[in-house]
Amino acid sequence: MATWTTRSSRVVARSSAVRPFAKRRILLGVTGGIASYKSASLARLLTQAGGEVDVVLTRSAQEFVGAITFEALTGRPVHTALIAAGHALDHIKLARAADVVVVAPATADLLARAAHGHADDLLTAALLATTAPVLIAPAMNDRMWGHPQTTRNVAHLREIGYHVIDPDTGDLAVGEGSGPGRMPEPETIMAHIGRLLETPSPLRGRRVVITAGPTREAVDPVRFLSNRSSGKMGVAIAEAAWRRGASVHLIAGPLGITPPAMLEVERVESAEQMKDAVARALASADVLVMAAAPADFRPADVAGSKIKKGAAPAAIPLSSSPDILLETAAQRRKGAIVVGFALETDDVIANAHKKLAAKGLDLIVVNDARETGAGFEGDTNRVTFIASDGSSEALPLLSKRDVGDAILDRVEALLGGR
């Protein structure tokens, strides 16, 4: 029987957005590019999340943003010179103290110098001196990003173990149009930093399939049956699994939020489509978390054209939508962990026990739709975990991010027992 003891007390005590960063030393290198202004936002986010941020500005970076800005945001001195009185060993001290080194933005010049082992300024010297994970967030003109020399430099940096995020595609500097080269948004970079700082997890390298959101069951070409699910719970679980090092496949109905860019998302519309997507994904899945709220019913017949108001039928006959967990059970890998959800209004715990047994689940997450702060659309949830051995645990009202982490704590414990 699995023992649920991994991180639950920390989940309740501290936000999952903070957990990987609290009291961790982050060395943030900023190079000279128009995207440098985003680095100030990144420094602020990391500091707010509990990180201790040491900023190194290159000479060219100081032409775009001042040291006093970062000092005000981090509450820590900013470093700019490799050789200065009283700071002769700053590159060694900063490199040794860092739990992670981040360069954002990283110009084409920085990529070239780092790839060739240069140490001609404080930042490149610290990169050579550190044994911490290194994360690089490039930003430059799309033609510079696509140049064969930049491509080779990035490939070499990845070969030696640096984590290089591909730049975003979008509007570039004035007059340069649109293309790949934009520095990823601070929130995306922060998620990658969190992944590098996260406590080693049994989920690292595992394939985790998560469903999220509602489904839409067509009545006619413009109308459908659905429910109030926003998909926030499923996306929160997917984010937490990715941060712990899992390979995440998110199967999503029409979501009320935009999932983070780093997630692999497969979009579906109906419960039938979601069932087919889950069946395909289960062949390689170590974990399935069925957090979606697929519609239980669908019109028995779908009209081929819009039903006119004056011609509307008195009733629309319904049929049952596919039961995704039951109808894909044969596709589950041996030893895979399967987590289901139950949103109830009556006999909440008793109905959850029945669903747990009927669908062959390892764990069910149940909540009462009538509880304040729980259920669809909101940012919080109050859930009870029930395991296949009959044990249960009721959690207090938490953010959906924290509920997601608590679910994965239980999944990790179950994986450890297999």
Protein backbone atom coordinates (compact mmCIF):
# COMPACT_ATOMS: atom_id res chain seq x y z
CA MET A 1 0.00 0.00 0.00
CA ALA A 2 1.39 3.41 -0.96
CA THR A 3 2.17 5.90 1.78
CA TRP A 4 1.28 9.49 0.95
CA THR A 5 4.09 11.42 2.58
CA THR A 6 6.12 13.12 -0.14
CA ARG A 7 5.34 16.84 -0.34
CA SER A 8 1.73 17.31 0.77
CA SER A 9 2.49 19.38 3.86
CA ARG A 10 4.61 21.74 1.78
CA VAL A 11 1.87 21.96 -0.84
CA VAL A 12 -0.62 23.16 1.75
CA ALA A 13 1.87 25.51 3.37
CA ARG A 14 3.35 27.16 0.31
CA SER A 15 2.17 27.92 -3.21
CA SER A 16 3.44 25.61 -5.94
CA ALA A 17 4.47 28.72 -7.86
CA VAL A 18 6.94 29.47 -5.06
CA ARG A 19 8.15 26.02 -4.04
CA PRO A 20 11.00 25.44 -6.52
CA PHE A 21 12.37 28.97 -6.04
CA ALA A 22 12.27 29.58 -2.29
CA LYS A 23 15.74 30.54 -1.03
CA ARG A 24 17.35 29.30 -4.25
CA ARG A 25 20.18 31.35 -5.74
CA ILE A 26 19.55 32.31 -9.35
CA LEU A 27 22.29 33.95 -11.40
CA LEU A 28 20.58 36.00 -14.10
CA GLY A 29 22.78 37.17 -16.95
CA VAL A 30 21.40 39.96 -19.15
CA THR A 31 23.00 40.77 -22.51
CA GLY A 32 22.48 43.75 -24.80
CA GLY A 33 19.29 43.53 -26.81
CA ILE A 34 15.93 45.25 -27.02
CA ALA A 35 14.43 42.31 -25.09
CA SER A 36 16.46 43.32 -22.02
CA TYR A 37 13.43 45.12 -20.65
CA LYS A 38 11.71 41.74 -20.25
CA SER A 39 14.55 40.61 -18.01
CA ALA A 40 13.49 43.15 -15.41
CA SER A 41 10.08 41.48 -15.26
CA LEU A 42 11.76 38.08 -14.98
CA ALA A 43 13.92 39.29 -12.08
CA ARG A 44 10.81 40.61 -10.33
CA LEU A 45 8.89 37.35 -10.79
CA LEU A 46 11.78 35.25 -9.50
CA THR A 47 12.22 37.48 -6.46
CA GLN A 48 8.50 37.44 -5.70
CA ALA A 49 8.63 33.64 -5.85
CA GLY A 50 11.25 33.56 -3.11
CA GLY A 51 14.39 33.37 -5.23
CA GLU A 52 17.61 35.20 -4.41
CA VAL A 53 18.52 36.76 -7.74
CA ASP A 54 22.06 37.88 -8.57
CA VAL A 55 22.07 39.91 -11.79
CA VAL A 56 25.06 40.22 -14.11
CA LEU A 57 24.77 42.90 -16.79
CA THR A 58 27.09 42.86 -19.78
CA ARG A 59 28.47 46.16 -21.02
CA SER A 60 26.01 46.27 -23.91
CA ALA A 61 23.08 45.38 -21.64
CA GLN A 62 23.73 48.55 -19.66
CA GLU A 63 22.98 50.54 -22.82
CA PHE A 64 19.42 49.19 -22.70
CA VAL A 65 18.57 48.91 -18.99
CA GLY A 66 20.28 50.25 -15.89
CA ALA A 67 21.74 48.39 -12.93
CA ILE A 68 19.63 50.39 -10.49
CA THR A 69 16.47 48.89 -11.99
CA PHE A 70 17.55 45.35 -11.16
CA GLU A 71 18.86 46.36 -7.74
CA ALA A 72 15.46 47.85 -6.91
CA LEU A 73 13.62 44.75 -8.12
CA THR A 74 15.85 42.13 -6.45
CA GLY A 75 17.11 43.99 -3.39
CA ARG A 76 20.59 42.75 -4.21
CA PRO A 77 23.69 44.38 -5.71
CA VAL A 78 24.11 44.13 -9.48
CA HIS A 79 27.39 42.90 -11.00
CA THR A 80 28.89 44.39 -14.13
CA ALA A 81 32.70 44.07 -14.21
CA LEU A 82 35.03 41.10 -14.47
CA ILE A 83 37.97 43.08 -13.13
CA ALA A 84 37.27 45.61 -10.38
CA ALA A 85 38.87 46.44 -7.04
CA GLY A 86 37.45 44.21 -4.33
CA HIS A 87 35.63 42.02 -6.86
CA ALA A 88 38.44 40.01 -8.42
CA LEU A 89 36.79 36.65 -7.74
CA ASP A 90 33.16 37.59 -8.35
CA HIS A 91 32.88 35.19 -11.29
CA ILE A 92 33.91 32.27 -9.03
CA LYS A 93 31.75 33.31 -6.07
CA LEU A 94 28.65 33.89 -8.19
CA ALA A 95 29.17 30.66 -10.13
CA ARG A 96 29.57 28.55 -6.99
CA ALA A 97 26.62 30.13 -5.16
CA ALA A 98 24.16 29.66 -8.03
CA ASP A 99 21.61 26.86 -8.05
CA VAL A 100 20.87 27.76 -11.68
CA VAL A 101 22.35 30.18 -14.21
CA VAL A 102 20.00 31.90 -16.65
CA VAL A 103 20.94 34.10 -19.59
CA ALA A 104 17.96 36.11 -20.83
CA PRO A 105 18.14 37.57 -23.33
CA ALA A 106 21.07 35.82 -24.94
CA THR A 107 22.31 37.60 -28.07
CA ALA A 108 23.94 35.89 -31.03
CA ASP A 109 27.25 37.21 -29.75
CA LEU A 110 26.74 35.64 -26.33
CA LEU A 111 25.84 32.30 -27.92
CA ALA A 112 29.02 32.41 -29.99
CA ARG A 113 31.28 33.35 -27.09
CA ALA A 114 29.73 30.79 -24.74
CA ALA A 115 29.93 28.04 -27.38
CA HIS A 116 33.63 28.71 -27.87
CA GLY A 117 34.47 28.95 -24.16
CA HIS A 118 35.34 32.62 -24.05
CA ALA A 119 35.76 34.28 -20.64
CA ASP A 120 36.24 37.89 -21.64
CA ASP A 121 33.56 39.36 -19.37
CA LEU A 122 31.96 38.53 -16.03
CA LEU A 123 29.06 36.58 -17.50
CA THR A 124 31.04 34.26 -19.78
CA ALA A 125 33.62 33.71 -17.02
CA ALA A 126 30.84 32.70 -14.62
CA LEU A 127 29.44 30.31 -17.23
CA LEU A 128 32.79 28.54 -17.39
CA ALA A 129 33.11 28.44 -13.60
CA THR A 130 29.66 27.11 -12.73
CA THR A 131 28.57 23.51 -12.27
CA ALA A 132 24.90 24.54 -11.92
CA PRO A 133 22.34 23.96 -14.68
CA VAL A 134 22.46 26.66 -17.36
CA LEU A 135 19.37 27.96 -19.17
CA ILE A 136 19.74 30.13 -22.27
CA ALA A 137 16.87 32.23 -23.72
CA PRO A 138 18.01 33.63 -27.09
CA ALA A 139 16.66 36.83 -28.63
CA MET A 140 17.78 38.31 -31.95
CA ASN A 141 16.75 39.08 -35.51
CA ASP A 142 15.21 36.08 -37.28
CA ARG A 143 17.97 36.05 -39.93
CA MET A 144 20.62 35.99 -37.21
CA TRP A 145 18.78 33.15 -35.45
CA GLY A 146 18.57 31.20 -38.69
CA HIS A 147 22.24 31.71 -39.67
CA PRO A 148 24.17 28.41 -39.92
CA GLN A 149 26.79 29.65 -37.45
CA THR A 150 24.14 30.39 -34.81
CA THR A 151 22.57 27.00 -35.47
CA ARG A 152 25.94 25.31 -34.88
CA ASN A 153 26.58 27.34 -31.73
CA VAL A 154 23.19 26.41 -30.27
CA ALA A 155 23.70 22.75 -31.15
CA HIS A 156 27.09 22.77 -29.41
CA LEU A 157 25.70 24.46 -26.30
CA ARG A 158 23.03 21.77 -26.08
CA GLU A 159 25.66 19.06 -26.58
CA ILE A 160 27.62 20.29 -23.56
CA GLY A 161 24.48 20.26 -21.42
CA TYR A 162 23.08 23.78 -21.63
CA HIS A 163 19.31 24.09 -21.84
CA VAL A 164 18.53 26.40 -24.78
CA ILE A 165 14.92 27.51 -25.27
CA ASP A 166 13.89 28.21 -28.84
CA PRO A 167 12.86 31.86 -29.27
CA ASP A 168 9.23 32.77 -29.85
CA THR A 169 7.85 33.74 -33.22
CA GLY A 170 6.26 37.17 -33.47
CA ASP A 171 6.84 40.82 -34.16
CA LEU A 172 10.50 41.80 -34.13
CA ALA A 173 12.08 45.26 -33.91
CA VAL A 174 10.41 48.08 -35.82
CA GLY A 175 10.62 47.52 -39.55
CA GLU A 176 11.84 43.93 -39.22
CA GLY A 177 8.48 42.23 -39.57
CA SER A 178 7.65 38.95 -37.86
CA GLY A 179 9.60 35.74 -37.40
CA PRO A 180 11.44 33.53 -34.90
CA GLY A 181 13.74 35.52 -32.64
CA ARG A 182 11.63 37.02 -29.87
CA MET A 183 12.75 36.26 -26.33
CA PRO A 184 10.22 33.92 -24.68
CA GLU A 185 7.94 35.64 -22.18
CA PRO A 186 9.21 35.88 -18.57
CA GLU A 187 6.52 33.46 -17.38
CA THR A 188 7.72 30.83 -19.86
CA ILE A 189 11.35 31.28 -18.85
CA MET A 190 10.35 31.08 -15.19
CA ALA A 191 8.61 27.76 -15.84
CA HIS A 192 11.80 26.37 -17.40
CA ILE A 193 13.83 27.61 -14.42
CA GLY A 194 11.37 25.94 -12.07
CA ARG A 195 11.81 22.67 -13.93
CA LEU A 196 15.58 22.85 -13.46
CA LEU A 197 15.21 23.68 -9.76
CA GLU A 198 12.50 21.13 -8.98
CA THR A 199 13.29 18.35 -6.52
CA PRO A 200 14.23 15.15 -8.42
CA SER A 201 10.98 13.34 -9.11
CA PRO A 202 9.92 9.79 -10.03
CA LEU A 203 8.00 11.48 -12.84
CA ARG A 204 11.18 12.66 -14.55
CA GLY A 205 11.30 11.07 -17.99
CA ARG A 206 7.86 9.48 -17.59
CA ARG A 207 5.10 9.93 -20.16
CA VAL A 208 2.06 11.56 -18.52
CA VAL A 209 -1.24 11.93 -20.38
CA ILE A 210 -3.67 14.47 -18.95
CA THR A 211 -7.11 15.45 -20.18
CA ALA A 212 -8.62 18.86 -19.51
CA GLY A 213 -11.66 20.98 -20.19
CA PRO A 214 -15.17 20.20 -21.38
CA THR A 215 -16.34 18.63 -24.61
CA ARG A 216 -18.91 20.01 -26.99
CA GLU A 217 -21.57 17.72 -28.39
CA ALA A 218 -23.11 19.13 -31.55
CA VAL A 219 -26.86 19.78 -31.80
CA ASP A 220 -26.52 21.36 -35.23
CA PRO A 221 -23.64 23.17 -37.05
CA VAL A 222 -23.84 26.17 -34.66
CA ARG A 223 -25.17 24.81 -31.34
CA PHE A 224 -23.83 22.28 -28.86
CA LEU A 225 -24.28 20.74 -25.42
CA SER A 226 -21.45 21.30 -22.93
CA ASN A 227 -20.71 22.17 -19.30
CA ARG A 228 -18.99 24.87 -17.24
CA SER A 229 -15.52 23.32 -17.11
CA SER A 230 -12.71 25.79 -17.89
CA GLY A 231 -9.89 23.24 -17.98
CA LYS A 232 -7.93 25.11 -15.29
CA MET A 233 -7.52 22.01 -13.12
CA GLY A 234 -6.18 19.84 -15.92
CA VAL A 235 -3.80 22.53 -17.16
CA ALA A 236 -2.51 23.05 -13.59
CA ILE A 237 -1.74 19.33 -13.32
CA ALA A 238 -0.04 19.36 -16.72
CA GLU A 239 2.13 22.33 -15.72
CA ALA A 240 3.13 20.63 -12.46
CA ALA A 241 3.95 17.34 -14.22
CA TRP A 242 6.08 19.15 -16.81
CA ARG A 243 7.91 21.06 -14.09
CA ARG A 244 8.75 17.75 -12.39
CA GLY A 245 10.42 16.55 -15.58
CA ALA A 246 7.66 14.48 -17.15
CA SER A 247 6.94 14.32 -20.87
CA VAL A 248 3.40 15.70 -20.86
CA HIS A 249 0.69 15.10 -23.45
CA LEU A 250 -2.32 17.33 -22.73
CA ILE A 251 -5.54 16.32 -24.49
CA ALA A 252 -7.82 19.32 -24.25
CA GLY A 253 -11.37 20.16 -25.13
CA PRO A 254 -12.32 23.82 -25.65
CA LEU A 255 -10.41 25.53 -22.83
CA GLY A 256 -11.24 28.73 -21.01
CA ILE A 257 -7.53 29.48 -20.58
CA THR A 258 -4.44 29.37 -22.78
CA PRO A 259 -2.10 26.49 -21.84
CA PRO A 260 1.61 27.33 -21.42
CA ALA A 261 3.68 27.21 -24.58
CA MET A 262 5.96 24.42 -23.37
CA LEU A 263 3.11 21.87 -23.15
CA GLU A 264 2.32 19.43 -25.95
CA VAL A 265 -1.40 20.00 -26.55
CA GLU A 266 -3.77 17.92 -28.68
CA ARG A 267 -7.06 19.72 -29.27
CA VAL A 268 -10.35 17.84 -29.45
CA GLU A 269 -14.00 18.88 -29.56
CA SER A 270 -16.28 15.97 -28.69
CA ALA A 271 -16.16 13.15 -26.16
CA GLU A 272 -15.75 10.70 -29.04
CA GLN A 273 -12.67 12.58 -30.24
CA MET A 274 -11.28 12.71 -26.71
CA LYS A 275 -11.80 8.96 -26.31
CA ASP A 276 -9.91 8.27 -29.54
CA ALA A 277 -7.06 10.60 -28.54
CA VAL A 278 -6.75 8.96 -25.11
CA ALA A 279 -6.75 5.49 -26.67
CA ARG A 280 -3.88 6.46 -28.99
CA ALA A 281 -1.87 8.10 -26.21
CA LEU A 282 -2.22 5.27 -23.69
CA ALA A 283 0.16 3.00 -25.58
CA SER A 284 3.11 5.03 -24.28
CA ALA A 285 1.62 6.47 -21.08
CA ASP A 286 3.02 5.74 -17.63
CA VAL A 287 0.31 7.89 -16.04
CA LEU A 288 -3.18 8.95 -17.13
CA VAL A 289 -4.93 11.76 -15.26
CA MET A 290 -8.50 12.12 -16.51
CA ALA A 291 -9.20 15.67 -15.33
CA ALA A 292 -11.48 16.59 -18.23
CA ALA A 293 -15.23 16.92 -17.88
CA PRO A 294 -16.53 15.26 -21.04
CA ALA A 295 -20.25 15.66 -21.62
CA ASP A 296 -22.25 12.69 -20.34
CA PHE A 297 -24.91 13.10 -23.00
CA ARG A 298 -25.07 14.04 -26.66
CA PRO A 299 -27.90 14.53 -29.13
CA ALA A 300 -29.00 11.23 -30.60
CA ASP A 301 -29.13 12.88 -34.03
CA VAL A 302 -27.19 15.93 -35.20
CA ALA A 303 -29.04 18.27 -37.53
CA GLY A 304 -27.24 18.88 -40.81
CA SER A 305 -28.20 22.56 -40.90
CA LYS A 306 -29.07 25.20 -38.33
CA ILE A 307 -32.37 24.51 -36.63
CA LYS A 308 -34.57 27.54 -37.17
CA LYS A 309 -36.25 29.01 -34.12
CA GLY A 310 -39.72 28.44 -35.45
CA ALA A 311 -38.93 24.83 -36.38
CA ALA A 312 -37.30 23.80 -33.10
CA PRO A 313 -38.45 20.42 -31.80
CA ALA A 314 -40.24 20.23 -28.48
CA ALA A 315 -37.49 17.90 -27.22
CA ILE A 316 -34.04 16.82 -28.34
CA PRO A 317 -33.51 13.07 -27.83
CA LEU A 318 -30.22 12.32 -26.10
CA SER A 319 -27.89 9.35 -26.03
CA SER A 320 -24.93 8.60 -23.76
CA SER A 321 -21.52 9.88 -24.70
CA PRO A 322 -18.67 7.35 -24.60
CA ASP A 323 -17.28 6.46 -21.18
CA ILE A 324 -13.66 7.30 -21.90
CA LEU A 325 -12.08 5.55 -18.90
CA LEU A 326 -14.03 2.33 -19.44
CA GLU A 327 -13.74 2.23 -23.21
CA THR A 328 -9.98 2.79 -23.23
CA ALA A 329 -9.13 0.45 -20.35
CA ALA A 330 -7.79 -2.21 -22.73
CA GLN A 331 -5.21 0.26 -24.09
CA ARG A 332 -3.62 0.96 -20.69
CA ARG A 333 -0.03 -0.19 -20.26
CA LYS A 334 0.63 -2.73 -17.55
CA GLY A 335 1.60 -0.88 -14.37
CA ALA A 336 0.30 2.49 -15.57
CA ILE A 337 -1.18 4.77 -12.88
CA VAL A 338 -4.73 5.96 -13.65
CA VAL A 339 -6.33 8.89 -11.84
CA GLY A 340 -9.96 9.88 -12.31
CA PHE A 341 -12.10 12.79 -11.16
CA ALA A 342 -15.63 12.87 -9.78
CA LEU A 343 -17.68 16.04 -9.43
CA GLU A 344 -20.76 15.20 -7.38
CA THR A 345 -23.70 16.93 -5.73
CA ASP A 346 -25.24 14.01 -3.79
CA ASP A 347 -23.71 11.09 -1.86
CA VAL A 348 -20.35 12.51 -2.86
CA ILE A 349 -18.01 10.01 -1.22
CA ALA A 350 -20.19 6.95 -1.84
CA ASN A 351 -20.50 7.76 -5.55
CA ALA A 352 -16.76 8.34 -5.80
CA HIS A 353 -16.06 4.90 -4.30
CA LYS A 354 -18.36 3.33 -6.89
CA LYS A 355 -16.64 5.13 -9.77
CA LEU A 356 -13.20 4.20 -8.44
CA ALA A 357 -14.07 0.50 -8.46
CA ALA A 358 -16.10 0.48 -11.68
CA LYS A 359 -13.39 2.15 -13.76
CA GLY A 360 -10.32 0.42 -12.37
CA LEU A 361 -8.68 3.55 -10.98
CA ASP A 362 -5.69 3.82 -8.69
CA LEU A 363 -6.89 7.13 -7.30
CA ILE A 364 -9.98 9.28 -7.61
CA VAL A 365 -10.15 13.01 -6.92
CA VAL A 366 -13.64 13.97 -5.77
CA ASN A 367 -15.22 17.30 -5.03
CA ASP A 368 -18.68 18.59 -4.18
CA ALA A 369 -19.96 21.02 -6.81
CA ARG A 370 -22.01 22.81 -4.15
CA GLU A 371 -18.97 23.73 -2.04
CA THR A 372 -17.90 27.36 -2.13
CA GLY A 373 -14.63 27.74 -4.03
CA ALA A 374 -14.73 24.23 -5.51
CA GLY A 375 -15.63 22.95 -8.95
CA PHE A 376 -15.74 24.57 -12.36
CA GLU A 377 -14.34 27.88 -13.61
CA GLY A 378 -12.70 29.14 -10.39
CA ASP A 379 -9.03 29.19 -9.41
CA THR A 380 -9.48 27.11 -6.23
CA ASN A 381 -10.69 23.64 -5.38
CA ARG A 382 -11.49 21.54 -2.31
CA VAL A 383 -10.96 17.85 -2.97
CA THR A 384 -10.82 14.47 -1.30
CA PHE A 385 -8.47 11.73 -2.49
CA ILE A 386 -9.69 8.14 -2.39
CA ALA A 387 -7.23 5.37 -3.25
CA SER A 388 -7.91 1.87 -4.53
CA ASP A 389 -7.03 0.43 -1.09
CA GLY A 390 -9.89 2.43 0.45
CA SER A 391 -7.76 5.06 2.16
CA SER A 392 -8.86 8.66 1.81
CA GLU A 393 -7.60 12.16 2.56
CA ALA A 394 -9.55 15.43 2.52
CA LEU A 395 -7.60 18.56 1.57
CA PRO A 396 -8.51 22.10 2.59
CA LEU A 397 -9.45 24.75 0.05
CA LEU A 398 -6.37 25.27 -2.15
CA SER A 399 -5.45 26.88 -5.42
CA LYS A 400 -5.80 24.55 -8.37
CA ARG A 401 -2.04 24.80 -8.84
CA ASP A 402 -1.54 23.39 -5.34
CA VAL A 403 -4.18 20.71 -5.86
CA GLY A 404 -2.32 19.70 -9.02
CA ASP A 405 0.91 19.30 -7.06
CA ALA A 406 -0.87 17.34 -4.34
CA ILE A 407 -2.29 14.95 -6.96
CA LEU A 408 1.16 14.38 -8.42
CA ASP A 409 2.60 13.75 -4.95
CA ARG A 410 0.18 10.82 -4.71
CA VAL A 411 1.03 9.67 -8.22
CA GLU A 412 4.73 9.67 -7.33
CA ALA A 413 4.01 7.57 -4.23
CA LEU A 414 1.99 5.12 -6.33
CA LEU A 415 4.78 4.87 -8.90
CA GLY A 416 7.21 4.12 -6.09
CA GLY A 417 5.02 1.20 -5.02
CA ARG A 418 4.94 -0.42 -8.45
